[in-house]
Amino acid sequence: MKLFAGLGNPGAKYAANRHNIGFMALDRIAADHGFGPWRKAYQGLVAEGRLGAERVILLKPETFMNLSGQSVQAAMTFYKIPPADLVVFHDELDLAPGKLKVKMGGGHAGHNGLRSIHAHIGEAYGRIRLGIGHPGHKDAVAAYVLHDFAKADQDWLDLLLTGLSEGAPALAGADAAKFQNAVALRTNPPRSSTSAQSAPLGPRLPPGPKAEPTAQPLAPAEPDKTPMQRLMDKFR
């Protein structure tokens, strides 16, 4: 059994925020893979289903971002899930929009949701870092993450969420490479050849008769010159 936890803040006010991309990822997985309805449990919302051969619990903590660890720990305790079988989906300022990285263990890099989870269960769990870009200055970060995605972001966001959903069975099966490949096929599809194709040739015809060379008109013959005239021509 695996626990997928998406990080965000509860309520319609925050639903489309950049900070809520973890919630968005779980919503897409649940919808695409026929998970059961969301229900309240473990200080959050829970949906259960299967991804490939694995039974998976989806969890969206409703404790607000800074207390995410309370909800995650409660679900892990009930289902007896070890940290190695937890995967957390969260926004990542240090990745370009639409980029993704898989990480196992390590620090929380100042992310308040991860900081809370670290405090409750330690750091030995998996993370799916979902790039949202950086506003450019640390003083602008709070307003940036708590602001809705712009209209210009919708195309890459939808492709990223689609790739996450398509790769989710591989992630549940602990095949990180296959998971990342599924996402990359959506976010960075192979480019089709742009080289011009040769036009199809018509039926080959038998060679026709060779054209005879066109006769060139001959220059008029010069009248015979005397030896003295020819000698004088040389000195002209």
C-alpha atoms as a PDB file:
ATOM      1  CA  MET A   1       0.000   0.000   0.000  1.00  0.00           C
ATOM      2  CA  LYS A   2       1.178   3.520  -0.850  1.00  0.00           C
ATOM      3  CA  LEU A   3       0.168   6.918   0.471  1.00  0.00           C
ATOM      4  CA  PHE A   4       0.189   9.832  -1.974  1.00  0.00           C
ATOM      5  CA  ALA A   5      -0.151  13.162  -0.151  1.00  0.00           C
ATOM      6  CA  GLY A   6      -0.738  16.393  -2.053  1.00  0.00           C
ATOM      7  CA  LEU A   7       0.039  19.663  -0.305  1.00  0.00           C
ATOM      8  CA  GLY A   8      -2.118  22.793  -0.413  1.00  0.00           C
ATOM      9  CA  ASN A   9      -4.583  24.896   1.539  1.00  0.00           C
ATOM     10  CA  PRO A  10      -8.267  23.962   1.932  1.00  0.00           C
ATOM     11  CA  GLY A  11     -11.204  25.979   0.641  1.00  0.00           C
ATOM     12  CA  ALA A  12     -12.338  27.609  -2.596  1.00  0.00           C
ATOM     13  CA  LYS A  13     -10.277  30.729  -1.848  1.00  0.00           C
ATOM     14  CA  TYR A  14      -7.036  28.793  -2.372  1.00  0.00           C
ATOM     15  CA  ALA A  15      -8.150  26.155  -4.881  1.00  0.00           C
ATOM     16  CA  ALA A  16      -6.423  27.664  -7.938  1.00  0.00           C
ATOM     17  CA  ASN A  17      -3.318  28.979  -6.101  1.00  0.00           C
ATOM     18  CA  ARG A  18       0.178  27.966  -7.195  1.00  0.00           C
ATOM     19  CA  HIS A  19       0.676  26.628  -3.659  1.00  0.00           C
ATOM     20  CA  ASN A  20      -2.139  24.124  -4.306  1.00  0.00           C
ATOM     21  CA  ILE A  21      -0.606  22.280  -7.243  1.00  0.00           C
ATOM     22  CA  GLY A  22      -0.208  19.221  -4.979  1.00  0.00           C
ATOM     23  CA  PHE A  23      -3.976  19.114  -4.451  1.00  0.00           C
ATOM     24  CA  MET A  24      -4.489  19.529  -8.206  1.00  0.00           C
ATOM     25  CA  ALA A  25      -2.223  16.557  -8.948  1.00  0.00           C
ATOM     26  CA  LEU A  26      -4.206  14.260  -6.641  1.00  0.00           C
ATOM     27  CA  ASP A  27      -7.538  15.485  -7.996  1.00  0.00           C
ATOM     28  CA  ARG A  28      -6.432  14.578 -11.544  1.00  0.00           C
ATOM     29  CA  ILE A  29      -5.168  11.141 -10.492  1.00  0.00           C
ATOM     30  CA  ALA A  30      -8.389  10.383  -8.595  1.00  0.00           C
ATOM     31  CA  ALA A  31     -10.592  11.443 -11.520  1.00  0.00           C
ATOM     32  CA  ASP A  32      -8.621   9.632 -14.227  1.00  0.00           C
ATOM     33  CA  HIS A  33      -8.159   6.348 -12.346  1.00  0.00           C
ATOM     34  CA  GLY A  34     -11.630   5.901 -10.889  1.00  0.00           C
ATOM     35  CA  PHE A  35     -10.826   6.403  -7.221  1.00  0.00           C
ATOM     36  CA  GLY A  36     -13.643   6.360  -4.681  1.00  0.00           C
ATOM     37  CA  PRO A  37     -15.252   9.611  -3.523  1.00  0.00           C
ATOM     38  CA  TRP A  38     -13.320  11.980  -1.301  1.00  0.00           C
ATOM     39  CA  ARG A  39     -14.234  11.641   2.381  1.00  0.00           C
ATOM     40  CA  LYS A  40     -13.115  13.427   5.514  1.00  0.00           C
ATOM     41  CA  ALA A  41     -10.548  11.534   7.600  1.00  0.00           C
ATOM     42  CA  TYR A  42      -7.170  12.044   9.303  1.00  0.00           C
ATOM     43  CA  GLN A  43      -7.601  15.847   9.364  1.00  0.00           C
ATOM     44  CA  GLY A  44      -7.927  15.874   5.607  1.00  0.00           C
ATOM     45  CA  LEU A  45      -9.718  14.468   2.566  1.00  0.00           C
ATOM     46  CA  VAL A  46      -9.043  10.874   1.545  1.00  0.00           C
ATOM     47  CA  ALA A  47      -9.793   8.826  -1.589  1.00  0.00           C
ATOM     48  CA  GLU A  48      -8.880   5.166  -2.111  1.00  0.00           C
ATOM     49  CA  GLY A  49      -8.230   3.197  -5.274  1.00  0.00           C
ATOM     50  CA  ARG A  50      -5.684   1.221  -7.253  1.00  0.00           C
ATOM     51  CA  LEU A  51      -2.857   2.238  -9.523  1.00  0.00           C
ATOM     52  CA  GLY A  52      -1.658  -0.802 -11.391  1.00  0.00           C
ATOM     53  CA  ALA A  53      -1.200  -3.599  -8.874  1.00  0.00           C
ATOM     54  CA  GLU A  54      -0.895  -1.224  -5.900  1.00  0.00           C
ATOM     55  CA  ARG A  55      -3.576  -0.086  -3.510  1.00  0.00           C
ATOM     56  CA  VAL A  56      -3.105   3.661  -3.034  1.00  0.00           C
ATOM     57  CA  ILE A  57      -4.472   6.143  -0.505  1.00  0.00           C
ATOM     58  CA  LEU A  58      -4.722   9.760  -1.701  1.00  0.00           C
ATOM     59  CA  LEU A  59      -4.603  12.399   1.044  1.00  0.00           C
ATOM     60  CA  LYS A  60      -5.185  16.155   0.894  1.00  0.00           C
ATOM     61  CA  PRO A  61      -4.475  17.598   4.368  1.00  0.00           C
ATOM     62  CA  GLU A  62      -6.972  20.232   5.537  1.00  0.00           C
ATOM     63  CA  THR A  63      -4.768  21.516   8.340  1.00  0.00           C
ATOM     64  CA  PHE A  64      -3.427  24.315   6.096  1.00  0.00           C
ATOM     65  CA  MET A  65       0.028  24.026   4.599  1.00  0.00           C
ATOM     66  CA  ASN A  66       2.086  24.797   7.697  1.00  0.00           C
ATOM     67  CA  LEU A  67       0.542  21.900   9.664  1.00  0.00           C
ATOM     68  CA  SER A  68       0.465  19.284   6.889  1.00  0.00           C
ATOM     69  CA  GLY A  69       2.511  16.846   8.975  1.00  0.00           C
ATOM     70  CA  GLN A  70      -0.326  16.318  11.454  1.00  0.00           C
ATOM     71  CA  SER A  71      -2.636  14.928   8.787  1.00  0.00           C
ATOM     72  CA  VAL A  72       0.059  12.901   7.043  1.00  0.00           C
ATOM     73  CA  GLN A  73       1.181  11.290  10.291  1.00  0.00           C
ATOM     74  CA  ALA A  74      -2.413  10.424  11.247  1.00  0.00           C
ATOM     75  CA  ALA A  75      -3.023   8.619   7.946  1.00  0.00           C
ATOM     76  CA  MET A  76       0.322   6.797   8.094  1.00  0.00           C
ATOM     77  CA  THR A  77      -0.388   5.614  11.630  1.00  0.00           C
ATOM     78  CA  PHE A  78      -3.840   4.285  10.760  1.00  0.00           C
ATOM     79  CA  TYR A  79      -2.735   2.415   7.628  1.00  0.00           C
ATOM     80  CA  LYS A  80       0.649   1.419   9.105  1.00  0.00           C
ATOM     81  CA  ILE A  81       2.486   2.954   6.161  1.00  0.00           C
ATOM     82  CA  PRO A  82       6.252   3.472   6.587  1.00  0.00           C
ATOM     83  CA  PRO A  83       7.888   6.716   5.379  1.00  0.00           C
ATOM     84  CA  ALA A  84       9.443   4.882   2.407  1.00  0.00           C
ATOM     85  CA  ASP A  85       5.912   4.276   1.025  1.00  0.00           C
ATOM     86  CA  LEU A  86       4.860   7.926   1.302  1.00  0.00           C
ATOM     87  CA  VAL A  87       5.078  10.227  -1.743  1.00  0.00           C
ATOM     88  CA  VAL A  88       4.376  13.944  -1.299  1.00  0.00           C
ATOM     89  CA  PHE A  89       3.388  16.166  -4.251  1.00  0.00           C
ATOM     90  CA  HIS A  90       4.280  19.813  -3.669  1.00  0.00           C
ATOM     91  CA  ASP A  91       5.033  23.115  -5.390  1.00  0.00           C
ATOM     92  CA  GLU A  92       8.687  23.956  -6.033  1.00  0.00           C
ATOM     93  CA  LEU A  93       9.912  27.518  -6.501  1.00  0.00           C
ATOM     94  CA  ASP A  94      13.373  26.470  -7.637  1.00  0.00           C
ATOM     95  CA  LEU A  95      12.108  24.621 -10.725  1.00  0.00           C
ATOM     96  CA  ALA A  96      10.887  26.283 -13.911  1.00  0.00           C
ATOM     97  CA  PRO A  97       7.137  26.129 -14.511  1.00  0.00           C
ATOM     98  CA  GLY A  98       6.098  22.699 -15.765  1.00  0.00           C
ATOM     99  CA  LYS A  99       9.330  20.963 -14.750  1.00  0.00           C
ATOM    100  CA  LEU A 100       9.339  18.036 -12.340  1.00  0.00           C
ATOM    101  CA  LYS A 101      11.870  16.226 -10.183  1.00  0.00           C
ATOM    102  CA  VAL A 102      11.590  13.086  -8.087  1.00  0.00           C
ATOM    103  CA  LYS A 103      13.430  13.137  -4.785  1.00  0.00           C
ATOM    104  CA  MET A 104      13.846  10.614  -1.970  1.00  0.00           C
ATOM    105  CA  GLY A 105      14.793  11.935   1.457  1.00  0.00           C
ATOM    106  CA  GLY A 106      16.828  15.054   2.117  1.00  0.00           C
ATOM    107  CA  GLY A 107      16.005  18.489   3.481  1.00  0.00           C
ATOM    108  CA  HIS A 108      12.808  20.525   3.172  1.00  0.00           C
ATOM    109  CA  ALA A 109      14.517  23.568   1.522  1.00  0.00           C
ATOM    110  CA  GLY A 110      12.317  25.956   3.518  1.00  0.00           C
ATOM    111  CA  HIS A 111       9.000  24.611   2.230  1.00  0.00           C
ATOM    112  CA  ASN A 112       6.607  24.944   5.179  1.00  0.00           C
ATOM    113  CA  GLY A 113       4.529  21.899   4.280  1.00  0.00           C
ATOM    114  CA  LEU A 114       7.609  19.689   4.058  1.00  0.00           C
ATOM    115  CA  ARG A 115       9.017  21.260   7.214  1.00  0.00           C
ATOM    116  CA  SER A 116       5.896  20.127   9.096  1.00  0.00           C
ATOM    117  CA  ILE A 117       6.080  16.595   7.669  1.00  0.00           C
ATOM    118  CA  HIS A 118       9.761  16.384   8.611  1.00  0.00           C
ATOM    119  CA  ALA A 119       8.878  17.337  12.172  1.00  0.00           C
ATOM    120  CA  HIS A 120       6.308  14.541  12.445  1.00  0.00           C
ATOM    121  CA  ILE A 121       7.804  11.585  10.539  1.00  0.00           C
ATOM    122  CA  GLY A 122      11.386  12.470   9.603  1.00  0.00           C
ATOM    123  CA  GLU A 123      12.825  13.005   6.122  1.00  0.00           C
ATOM    124  CA  ALA A 124      12.957   9.481   4.634  1.00  0.00           C
ATOM    125  CA  TYR A 125       9.987   9.834   2.260  1.00  0.00           C
ATOM    126  CA  GLY A 126       9.553  10.525  -1.439  1.00  0.00           C
ATOM    127  CA  ARG A 127       8.692  13.888  -2.985  1.00  0.00           C
ATOM    128  CA  ILE A 128       7.451  14.943  -6.396  1.00  0.00           C
ATOM    129  CA  ARG A 129       8.691  18.500  -6.837  1.00  0.00           C
ATOM    130  CA  LEU A 130       6.392  20.388  -9.215  1.00  0.00           C
ATOM    131  CA  GLY A 131       7.955  23.516 -10.693  1.00  0.00           C
ATOM    132  CA  ILE A 132       6.001  26.763 -10.483  1.00  0.00           C
ATOM    133  CA  GLY A 133       8.893  29.172 -11.074  1.00  0.00           C
ATOM    134  CA  HIS A 134      10.173  31.941  -8.802  1.00  0.00           C
ATOM    135  CA  PRO A 135       8.904  35.535  -8.643  1.00  0.00           C
ATOM    136  CA  GLY A 136      12.480  36.815  -8.648  1.00  0.00           C
ATOM    137  CA  HIS A 137      12.758  38.170  -5.103  1.00  0.00           C
ATOM    138  CA  LYS A 138      12.262  36.394  -1.790  1.00  0.00           C
ATOM    139  CA  ASP A 139      10.000  39.193  -0.496  1.00  0.00           C
ATOM    140  CA  ALA A 140       7.518  38.411  -3.285  1.00  0.00           C
ATOM    141  CA  VAL A 141       7.330  34.664  -2.623  1.00  0.00           C
ATOM    142  CA  ALA A 142       4.359  34.638  -0.218  1.00  0.00           C
ATOM    143  CA  ALA A 143       2.129  36.661  -2.537  1.00  0.00           C
ATOM    144  CA  TYR A 144       3.294  34.648  -5.537  1.00  0.00           C
ATOM    145  CA  VAL A 145       2.502  31.170  -4.188  1.00  0.00           C
ATOM    146  CA  LEU A 146      -0.850  32.329  -2.777  1.00  0.00           C
ATOM    147  CA  HIS A 147      -1.890  33.768  -6.120  1.00  0.00           C
ATOM    148  CA  ASP A 148      -3.822  31.845  -8.773  1.00  0.00           C
ATOM    149  CA  PHE A 149      -2.055  30.450 -11.806  1.00  0.00           C
ATOM    150  CA  ALA A 150      -2.221  32.918 -14.691  1.00  0.00           C
ATOM    151  CA  LYS A 151      -4.176  32.174 -17.860  1.00  0.00           C
ATOM    152  CA  ALA A 152      -0.859  31.831 -19.675  1.00  0.00           C
ATOM    153  CA  ASP A 153       0.045  28.946 -17.327  1.00  0.00           C
ATOM    154  CA  GLN A 154      -2.983  26.813 -18.111  1.00  0.00           C
ATOM    155  CA  ASP A 155      -1.545  24.958 -21.104  1.00  0.00           C
ATOM    156  CA  TRP A 156       1.639  23.732 -19.422  1.00  0.00           C
ATOM    157  CA  LEU A 157      -0.233  23.078 -16.168  1.00  0.00           C
ATOM    158  CA  ASP A 158      -2.761  20.815 -17.877  1.00  0.00           C
ATOM    159  CA  LEU A 159      -0.011  18.911 -19.709  1.00  0.00           C
ATOM    160  CA  LEU A 160       1.913  18.450 -16.460  1.00  0.00           C
ATOM    161  CA  LEU A 161      -1.146  17.171 -14.570  1.00  0.00           C
ATOM    162  CA  THR A 162      -2.026  14.827 -17.447  1.00  0.00           C
ATOM    163  CA  GLY A 163       1.511  13.419 -17.460  1.00  0.00           C
ATOM    164  CA  LEU A 164       1.421  12.955 -13.678  1.00  0.00           C
ATOM    165  CA  SER A 165      -1.812  11.002 -13.952  1.00  0.00           C
ATOM    166  CA  GLU A 166      -0.583   8.825 -16.806  1.00  0.00           C
ATOM    167  CA  GLY A 167       2.634   8.047 -14.957  1.00  0.00           C
ATOM    168  CA  ALA A 168       0.981   7.459 -11.563  1.00  0.00           C
ATOM    169  CA  PRO A 169       0.777   3.631 -11.899  1.00  0.00           C
ATOM    170  CA  ALA A 170       4.530   3.519 -12.534  1.00  0.00           C
ATOM    171  CA  LEU A 171       5.150   5.755  -9.522  1.00  0.00           C
ATOM    172  CA  ALA A 172       3.019   3.502  -7.326  1.00  0.00           C
ATOM    173  CA  GLY A 173       5.061   0.560  -8.597  1.00  0.00           C
ATOM    174  CA  ALA A 174       8.301   2.330  -7.573  1.00  0.00           C
ATOM    175  CA  ASP A 175       9.448   2.795 -11.187  1.00  0.00           C
ATOM    176  CA  ALA A 176      10.562   6.411 -11.015  1.00  0.00           C
ATOM    177  CA  ALA A 177      12.198   6.365 -14.450  1.00  0.00           C
ATOM    178  CA  LYS A 178       9.021   5.179 -16.180  1.00  0.00           C
ATOM    179  CA  PHE A 179       6.994   7.738 -14.239  1.00  0.00           C
ATOM    180  CA  GLN A 180       9.273  10.592 -15.296  1.00  0.00           C
ATOM    181  CA  ASN A 181       9.227   9.394 -18.889  1.00  0.00           C
ATOM    182  CA  ALA A 182       5.414   9.466 -18.919  1.00  0.00           C
ATOM    183  CA  VAL A 183       5.470  13.067 -17.707  1.00  0.00           C
ATOM    184  CA  ALA A 184       8.168  14.051 -20.193  1.00  0.00           C
ATOM    185  CA  LEU A 185       6.144  12.655 -23.102  1.00  0.00           C
ATOM    186  CA  ARG A 186       3.466  15.211 -22.225  1.00  0.00           C
ATOM    187  CA  THR A 187       5.581  18.190 -21.212  1.00  0.00           C
ATOM    188  CA  ASN A 188       8.420  17.685 -23.733  1.00  0.00           C
ATOM    189  CA  PRO A 189       6.982  15.624 -26.600  1.00  0.00           C
ATOM    190  CA  PRO A 190       9.419  14.430 -29.287  1.00  0.00           C
ATOM    191  CA  ARG A 191       9.639  16.890 -32.130  1.00  0.00           C
ATOM    192  CA  SER A 192       8.425  15.673 -35.507  1.00  0.00           C
ATOM    193  CA  SER A 193      10.794  16.033 -38.443  1.00  0.00           C
ATOM    194  CA  THR A 194      10.541  19.410 -40.112  1.00  0.00           C
ATOM    195  CA  SER A 195      12.607  18.439 -43.130  1.00  0.00           C
ATOM    196  CA  ALA A 196      10.795  18.726 -46.421  1.00  0.00           C
ATOM    197  CA  GLN A 197       9.840  15.447 -47.971  1.00  0.00           C
ATOM    198  CA  SER A 198      10.669  14.777 -51.626  1.00  0.00           C
ATOM    199  CA  ALA A 199       7.684  14.998 -53.929  1.00  0.00           C
ATOM    200  CA  PRO A 200       6.644  11.605 -55.329  1.00  0.00           C
ATOM    201  CA  LEU A 201       8.010  10.954 -58.761  1.00  0.00           C
ATOM    202  CA  GLY A 202       5.697  10.181 -61.676  1.00  0.00           C
ATOM    203  CA  PRO A 203       5.990   7.000 -63.739  1.00  0.00           C
ATOM    204  CA  ARG A 204       9.364   6.595 -65.354  1.00  0.00           C
ATOM    205  CA  LEU A 205       9.113   7.091 -69.118  1.00  0.00           C
ATOM    206  CA  PRO A 206      11.376   5.416 -71.667  1.00  0.00           C
ATOM    207  CA  PRO A 207      14.076   7.733 -72.953  1.00  0.00           C
ATOM    208  CA  GLY A 208      13.104   9.554 -76.121  1.00  0.00           C
ATOM    209  CA  PRO A 209      15.298   9.883 -79.194  1.00  0.00           C
ATOM    210  CA  LYS A 210      18.368  12.012 -78.725  1.00  0.00           C
ATOM    211  CA  ALA A 211      18.051  15.448 -80.195  1.00  0.00           C
ATOM    212  CA  GLU A 212      20.432  16.118 -83.012  1.00  0.00           C
ATOM    213  CA  PRO A 213      22.729  19.075 -82.340  1.00  0.00           C
ATOM    214  CA  THR A 214      21.584  22.229 -84.051  1.00  0.00           C
ATOM    215  CA  ALA A 215      23.818  23.067 -86.972  1.00  0.00           C
ATOM    216  CA  GLN A 216      25.675  26.344 -86.439  1.00  0.00           C
ATOM    217  CA  PRO A 217      25.912  28.634 -89.436  1.00  0.00           C
ATOM    218  CA  LEU A 218      29.367  28.740 -90.905  1.00  0.00           C
ATOM    219  CA  ALA A 219      31.221  31.997 -91.113  1.00  0.00           C
ATOM    220  CA  PRO A 220      31.673  33.179 -94.649  1.00  0.00           C
ATOM    221  CA  ALA A 221      34.951  31.982 -96.147  1.00  0.00           C
ATOM    222  CA  GLU A 222      37.585  34.637 -96.380  1.00  0.00           C
ATOM    223  CA  PRO A 223      38.896  35.291 -99.858  1.00  0.00           C
ATOM    224  CA  ASP A 224      42.361  33.979-100.540  1.00  0.00           C
ATOM    225  CA  LYS A 225      45.022  36.431 -99.431  1.00  0.00           C
ATOM    226  CA  THR A 226      48.411  36.929-100.881  1.00  0.00           C
ATOM    227  CA  PRO A 227      51.462  36.049 -98.748  1.00  0.00           C
ATOM    228  CA  MET A 228      52.174  39.781 -98.332  1.00  0.00           C
ATOM    229  CA  GLN A 229      48.621  40.452 -97.022  1.00  0.00           C
ATOM    230  CA  ARG A 230      48.918  37.643 -94.468  1.00  0.00           C
ATOM    231  CA  LEU A 231      52.258  39.014 -93.273  1.00  0.00           C
ATOM    232  CA  MET A 232      50.813  42.473 -92.830  1.00  0.00           C
ATOM    233  CA  ASP A 233      47.889  41.058 -90.808  1.00  0.00           C
ATOM    234  CA  LYS A 234      50.353  39.795 -88.187  1.00  0.00           C
ATOM    235  CA  PHE A 235      51.507  43.357 -87.451  1.00  0.00           C
ATOM    236  CA  ARG A 236      48.039  44.935 -87.112  1.00  0.00           C
END
